[in-house]
C-alpha atoms as a PDB file:
ATOM      1  CA  UNK A   1      96.252 -25.404 128.412  1.00  0.00           C
ATOM      2  CA  UNK A   2      96.953 -24.308 124.465  1.00  0.00           C
ATOM      3  CA  UNK A   3      96.158 -20.678 124.028  1.00  0.00           C
ATOM      4  CA  UNK A   4      93.579 -21.765 121.168  1.00  0.00           C
ATOM      5  CA  UNK A   5      91.365 -23.565 123.979  1.00  0.00           C
ATOM      6  CA  UNK A   6      91.158 -20.434 126.189  1.00  0.00           C
ATOM      7  CA  UNK A   7      87.943 -18.891 124.603  1.00  0.00           C
ATOM      8  CA  UNK A   8      86.279 -22.139 124.382  1.00  0.00           C
ATOM      9  CA  UNK A   9      87.063 -22.759 128.145  1.00  0.00           C
ATOM     10  CA  UNK A  10      85.589 -19.214 128.884  1.00  0.00           C
ATOM     11  CA  UNK A  11      82.482 -20.294 127.116  1.00  0.00           C
ATOM     12  CA  UNK A  12      82.168 -23.468 129.211  1.00  0.00           C
ATOM     13  CA  UNK A  13      82.840 -22.015 132.442  1.00  0.00           C
ATOM     14  CA  UNK A  14      80.238 -19.380 131.593  1.00  0.00           C
ATOM     15  CA  UNK A  15      77.555 -22.075 131.134  1.00  0.00           C
ATOM     16  CA  UNK A  16      78.987 -24.327 133.753  1.00  0.00           C
ATOM     17  CA  UNK A  17      79.046 -21.520 136.425  1.00  0.00           C
ATOM     18  CA  UNK A  18      75.497 -20.351 135.922  1.00  0.00           C
ATOM     19  CA  UNK A  19      73.585 -23.255 134.463  1.00  0.00           C
ATOM     20  CA  UNK A  20      75.434 -26.707 135.931  1.00  0.00           C
ATOM     21  CA  UNK A  21      73.986 -26.533 139.741  1.00  0.00           C
ATOM     22  CA  UNK A  22      70.472 -26.346 138.068  1.00  0.00           C
ATOM     23  CA  UNK A  23      70.722 -29.756 136.328  1.00  0.00           C
ATOM     24  CA  UNK A  24      73.300 -31.316 138.723  1.00  0.00           C
ATOM     25  CA  UNK A  25      72.583 -30.044 142.093  1.00  0.00           C
ATOM     26  CA  UNK A  26      75.875 -31.271 143.729  1.00  0.00           C
ATOM     27  CA  UNK A  27      77.680 -28.951 141.029  1.00  0.00           C
ATOM     28  CA  UNK A  28      76.856 -26.182 143.433  1.00  0.00           C
ATOM     29  CA  UNK A  29      79.004 -27.431 146.171  1.00  0.00           C
ATOM     30  CA  UNK A  30      82.050 -27.180 143.712  1.00  0.00           C
ATOM     31  CA  UNK A  31      84.549 -24.238 144.303  1.00  0.00           C
ATOM     32  CA  UNK A  32      85.109 -22.115 141.251  1.00  0.00           C
ATOM     33  CA  UNK A  33      88.676 -23.497 140.634  1.00  0.00           C
ATOM     34  CA  UNK A  34      87.133 -26.919 140.382  1.00  0.00           C
ATOM     35  CA  UNK A  35      84.764 -25.703 137.858  1.00  0.00           C
ATOM     36  CA  UNK A  36      87.362 -24.047 135.940  1.00  0.00           C
ATOM     37  CA  UNK A  37      89.536 -27.527 135.856  1.00  0.00           C
ATOM     38  CA  UNK A  38      86.219 -29.210 134.417  1.00  0.00           C
ATOM     39  CA  UNK A  39      85.826 -26.309 131.812  1.00  0.00           C
ATOM     40  CA  UNK A  40      89.496 -26.299 130.947  1.00  0.00           C
ATOM     41  CA  UNK A  41      89.525 -29.982 130.454  1.00  0.00           C
ATOM     42  CA  UNK A  42      86.392 -30.323 128.308  1.00  0.00           C
ATOM     43  CA  UNK A  43      87.599 -27.515 126.059  1.00  0.00           C
ATOM     44  CA  UNK A  44      90.800 -29.425 125.561  1.00  0.00           C
ATOM     45  CA  UNK A  45      89.170 -32.607 124.814  1.00  0.00           C
ATOM     46  CA  UNK A  46      86.455 -31.036 122.780  1.00  0.00           C
ATOM     47  CA  UNK A  47      86.257 -31.653 119.020  1.00  0.00           C
ATOM     48  CA  UNK A  48      84.975 -28.465 117.854  1.00  0.00           C
ATOM     49  CA  UNK A  49      84.777 -29.880 114.250  1.00  0.00           C
ATOM     50  CA  UNK A  50      81.948 -32.075 115.763  1.00  0.00           C
ATOM     51  CA  UNK A  51      80.454 -29.523 117.273  1.00  0.00           C
ATOM     52  CA  UNK A  52      80.216 -27.201 114.105  1.00  0.00           C
ATOM     53  CA  UNK A  53      79.345 -29.834 111.828  1.00  0.00           C
ATOM     54  CA  UNK A  54      77.023 -32.068 113.674  1.00  0.00           C
ATOM     55  CA  UNK A  55      75.923 -33.703 110.465  1.00  0.00           C
ATOM     56  CA  UNK A  56      79.482 -35.376 110.339  1.00  0.00           C
ATOM     57  CA  UNK A  57      79.106 -36.645 113.717  1.00  0.00           C
ATOM     58  CA  UNK A  58      78.293 -40.721 113.731  1.00  0.00           C
ATOM     59  CA  UNK A  59      78.348 -42.870 116.538  1.00  0.00           C
ATOM     60  CA  UNK A  60      81.923 -43.621 117.520  1.00  0.00           C
ATOM     61  CA  UNK A  61      85.098 -41.813 116.248  1.00  0.00           C
ATOM     62  CA  UNK A  62      84.844 -39.847 113.312  1.00  0.00           C
ATOM     63  CA  UNK A  63      87.971 -38.660 111.117  1.00  0.00           C
ATOM     64  CA  UNK A  64      89.773 -35.460 112.002  1.00  0.00           C
ATOM     65  CA  UNK A  65      89.193 -33.307 108.511  1.00  0.00           C
ATOM     66  CA  UNK A  66      92.178 -31.070 107.614  1.00  0.00           C
ATOM     67  CA  UNK A  67      90.201 -27.635 107.360  1.00  0.00           C
ATOM     68  CA  UNK A  68      91.713 -24.696 105.393  1.00  0.00           C
ATOM     69  CA  UNK A  69      90.284 -21.910 107.108  1.00  0.00           C
ATOM     70  CA  UNK A  70      89.465 -21.857 110.858  1.00  0.00           C
ATOM     71  CA  UNK A  71      86.413 -20.367 112.283  1.00  0.00           C
ATOM     72  CA  UNK A  72      86.502 -18.069 115.125  1.00  0.00           C
ATOM     73  CA  UNK A  73      84.075 -17.143 117.433  1.00  0.00           C
ATOM     74  CA  UNK A  74      82.543 -13.744 116.712  1.00  0.00           C
ATOM     75  CA  UNK A  75      84.032 -10.898 118.671  1.00  0.00           C
ATOM     76  CA  UNK A  76      82.357  -9.281 121.658  1.00  0.00           C
ATOM     77  CA  UNK A  77      79.978 -11.060 123.869  1.00  0.00           C
ATOM     78  CA  UNK A  78      81.460 -14.371 124.091  1.00  0.00           C
ATOM     79  CA  UNK A  79      78.309 -16.515 124.883  1.00  0.00           C
ATOM     80  CA  UNK A  80      74.917 -16.269 123.458  1.00  0.00           C
ATOM     81  CA  UNK A  81      72.145 -18.684 124.845  1.00  0.00           C
ATOM     82  CA  UNK A  82      70.940 -20.590 121.839  1.00  0.00           C
ATOM     83  CA  UNK A  83      67.757 -21.811 124.272  1.00  0.00           C
ATOM     84  CA  UNK A  84      65.982 -20.447 127.199  1.00  0.00           C
ATOM     85  CA  UNK A  85      67.483 -21.762 130.557  1.00  0.00           C
ATOM     86  CA  UNK A  86      64.461 -21.019 132.487  1.00  0.00           C
ATOM     87  CA  UNK A  87      63.231 -24.435 131.594  1.00  0.00           C
ATOM     88  CA  UNK A  88      66.228 -26.117 133.381  1.00  0.00           C
ATOM     89  CA  UNK A  89      65.797 -28.192 136.354  1.00  0.00           C
ATOM     90  CA  UNK A  90      67.342 -31.329 137.865  1.00  0.00           C
ATOM     91  CA  UNK A  91      65.355 -33.740 136.150  1.00  0.00           C
ATOM     92  CA  UNK A  92      65.588 -31.928 132.681  1.00  0.00           C
ATOM     93  CA  UNK A  93      66.255 -33.626 129.661  1.00  0.00           C
ATOM     94  CA  UNK A  94      66.716 -32.638 125.945  1.00  0.00           C
ATOM     95  CA  UNK A  95      63.226 -32.234 124.726  1.00  0.00           C
ATOM     96  CA  UNK A  96      61.708 -34.940 122.519  1.00  0.00           C
ATOM     97  CA  UNK A  97      61.754 -33.674 118.909  1.00  0.00           C
ATOM     98  CA  UNK A  98      64.328 -31.134 119.246  1.00  0.00           C
ATOM     99  CA  UNK A  99      66.273 -32.283 116.604  1.00  0.00           C
ATOM    100  CA  UNK A 100      69.272 -34.705 115.749  1.00  0.00           C
ATOM    101  CA  UNK A 101      71.804 -31.778 115.837  1.00  0.00           C
ATOM    102  CA  UNK A 102      71.490 -31.323 119.782  1.00  0.00           C
ATOM    103  CA  UNK A 103      71.599 -34.977 120.296  1.00  0.00           C
ATOM    104  CA  UNK A 104      74.753 -35.325 118.185  1.00  0.00           C
ATOM    105  CA  UNK A 105      76.381 -32.188 120.066  1.00  0.00           C
ATOM    106  CA  UNK A 106      75.419 -33.849 123.317  1.00  0.00           C
ATOM    107  CA  UNK A 107      77.217 -37.173 122.413  1.00  0.00           C
ATOM    108  CA  UNK A 108      80.362 -35.306 121.980  1.00  0.00           C
ATOM    109  CA  UNK A 109      80.189 -33.161 125.068  1.00  0.00           C
ATOM    110  CA  UNK A 110      79.089 -36.508 126.726  1.00  0.00           C
ATOM    111  CA  UNK A 111      82.576 -38.018 125.907  1.00  0.00           C
ATOM    112  CA  UNK A 112      84.458 -35.095 127.360  1.00  0.00           C
ATOM    113  CA  UNK A 113      82.437 -34.885 130.429  1.00  0.00           C
ATOM    114  CA  UNK A 114      82.629 -38.542 131.097  1.00  0.00           C
ATOM    115  CA  UNK A 115      86.656 -38.542 130.587  1.00  0.00           C
ATOM    116  CA  UNK A 116      86.922 -35.098 132.849  1.00  0.00           C
ATOM    117  CA  UNK A 117      84.779 -36.234 135.670  1.00  0.00           C
ATOM    118  CA  UNK A 118      86.278 -39.788 135.800  1.00  0.00           C
ATOM    119  CA  UNK A 119      90.006 -38.653 135.607  1.00  0.00           C
ATOM    120  CA  UNK A 120      89.684 -35.426 137.938  1.00  0.00           C
ATOM    121  CA  UNK A 121      90.559 -37.201 141.396  1.00  0.00           C
ATOM    122  CA  UNK A 122      87.481 -37.436 143.873  1.00  0.00           C
ATOM    123  CA  UNK A 123      85.262 -35.657 140.909  1.00  0.00           C
ATOM    124  CA  UNK A 124      82.787 -38.627 140.556  1.00  0.00           C
ATOM    125  CA  UNK A 125      82.053 -38.801 144.211  1.00  0.00           C
ATOM    126  CA  UNK A 126      81.597 -35.006 144.678  1.00  0.00           C
ATOM    127  CA  UNK A 127      78.821 -34.850 141.758  1.00  0.00           C
ATOM    128  CA  UNK A 128      77.625 -38.271 142.371  1.00  0.00           C
ATOM    129  CA  UNK A 129      77.937 -38.760 146.109  1.00  0.00           C
ATOM    130  CA  UNK A 130      75.684 -41.994 146.250  1.00  0.00           C
ATOM    131  CA  UNK A 131      77.250 -43.842 143.336  1.00  0.00           C
ATOM    132  CA  UNK A 132      80.313 -42.101 142.349  1.00  0.00           C
ATOM    133  CA  UNK A 133      79.328 -42.759 138.706  1.00  0.00           C
ATOM    134  CA  UNK A 134      80.609 -40.050 135.892  1.00  0.00           C
ATOM    135  CA  UNK A 135      77.497 -41.029 133.788  1.00  0.00           C
ATOM    136  CA  UNK A 136      74.995 -39.779 136.375  1.00  0.00           C
ATOM    137  CA  UNK A 137      76.291 -36.242 136.209  1.00  0.00           C
ATOM    138  CA  UNK A 138      78.035 -36.469 132.506  1.00  0.00           C
ATOM    139  CA  UNK A 139      74.590 -37.179 130.845  1.00  0.00           C
ATOM    140  CA  UNK A 140      72.654 -34.007 132.354  1.00  0.00           C
ATOM    141  CA  UNK A 141      75.483 -31.551 131.807  1.00  0.00           C
ATOM    142  CA  UNK A 142      76.120 -32.527 128.024  1.00  0.00           C
ATOM    143  CA  UNK A 143      72.431 -32.438 127.442  1.00  0.00           C
ATOM    144  CA  UNK A 144      72.256 -28.929 129.101  1.00  0.00           C
ATOM    145  CA  UNK A 145      75.612 -27.756 127.127  1.00  0.00           C
ATOM    146  CA  UNK A 146      74.352 -28.763 123.833  1.00  0.00           C
ATOM    147  CA  UNK A 147      70.812 -26.915 124.504  1.00  0.00           C
ATOM    148  CA  UNK A 148      72.246 -24.078 125.558  1.00  0.00           C
ATOM    149  CA  UNK A 149      75.422 -23.446 123.605  1.00  0.00           C
ATOM    150  CA  UNK A 150      75.432 -21.475 120.446  1.00  0.00           C
ATOM    151  CA  UNK A 151      77.928 -23.377 118.093  1.00  0.00           C
ATOM    152  CA  UNK A 152      79.015 -20.125 116.665  1.00  0.00           C
ATOM    153  CA  UNK A 153      80.646 -19.148 120.001  1.00  0.00           C
ATOM    154  CA  UNK A 154      83.170 -21.862 120.043  1.00  0.00           C
ATOM    155  CA  UNK A 155      86.480 -21.069 117.934  1.00  0.00           C
ATOM    156  CA  UNK A 156      87.799 -24.246 115.822  1.00  0.00           C
ATOM    157  CA  UNK A 157      91.036 -26.022 117.216  1.00  0.00           C
ATOM    158  CA  UNK A 158      94.027 -26.469 115.116  1.00  0.00           C
ATOM    159  CA  UNK A 159      95.191 -30.029 114.292  1.00  0.00           C
ATOM    160  CA  UNK A 160      98.587 -30.293 113.202  1.00  0.00           C
ATOM    161  CA  UNK A 161      99.666 -32.362 110.469  1.00  0.00           C
ATOM    162  CA  UNK A 162     101.047 -35.083 112.776  1.00  0.00           C
ATOM    163  CA  UNK A 163      97.959 -35.006 114.889  1.00  0.00           C
ATOM    164  CA  UNK A 164      95.493 -35.731 112.119  1.00  0.00           C
ATOM    165  CA  UNK A 165      98.056 -38.623 110.781  1.00  0.00           C
ATOM    166  CA  UNK A 166      98.331 -40.166 114.489  1.00  0.00           C
ATOM    167  CA  UNK A 167      94.386 -40.003 114.766  1.00  0.00           C
ATOM    168  CA  UNK A 168      93.683 -41.688 111.556  1.00  0.00           C
ATOM    169  CA  UNK A 169      96.381 -44.252 112.003  1.00  0.00           C
ATOM    170  CA  UNK A 170      94.666 -44.756 115.497  1.00  0.00           C
ATOM    171  CA  UNK A 171      91.228 -44.971 114.079  1.00  0.00           C
ATOM    172  CA  UNK A 172      92.283 -47.455 111.343  1.00  0.00           C
ATOM    173  CA  UNK A 173      94.160 -49.725 113.828  1.00  0.00           C
ATOM    174  CA  UNK A 174      91.080 -49.608 116.319  1.00  0.00           C
ATOM    175  CA  UNK A 175      88.648 -50.384 113.602  1.00  0.00           C
ATOM    176  CA  UNK A 176      90.908 -53.181 112.460  1.00  0.00           C
ATOM    177  CA  UNK A 177      90.771 -54.681 116.186  1.00  0.00           C
ATOM    178  CA  UNK A 178      86.823 -54.900 115.970  1.00  0.00           C
END
C-alpha cells in the first residue's frame, strides 16, 4: 500500500466499518481484516482526481491530469460526513435530484468496489450469498460512500510521469480499438 493511500484508506475504512452493513446487511459478517482489505483495495484503485473534480468525470475512462499542487485532506478529524447517515437502510438509493456530482462520484466508487469484490477470493459469495454477484453489493456501497464522503477528506494521489504516459497510451489504444 503506497503511503499516500493510507489516509484515504482510513477514511474509507471508517465509512465501511460504520455504515457498510446498513446498506449491505451481509457486510456485518465480515471480520475487521476483510473490511480493511476492501478499504485498502478501493483506496489504491481510486482516482481521487475524479472524486475531487467530478465535473471532469464522464462515462468511461478520463485522461489523468498533471497536477502542480496536490491537495491534502485537512488535518485533525479525518472523516466529516457530508449527509445524514440515519436515512440509510438496505433498500436505500441515492435520492433523485441530489445532483449529478453524487452520481458521478458513485460511478468511480462503483468501479473500485466491483474490482475489489471480484478479485478478493470468496468476497462475492460473502457479500451476495445467493448469487455471488459483485454488482449487487457494489452499487449500494458506492452510493453510500458517495453520499457520506466529503471529498475534501481525501488526499490527492501522485501519478508518476511514466504512469500518466502509460495511462494515456492505454487510453488511446483502447479508443482506437472501439
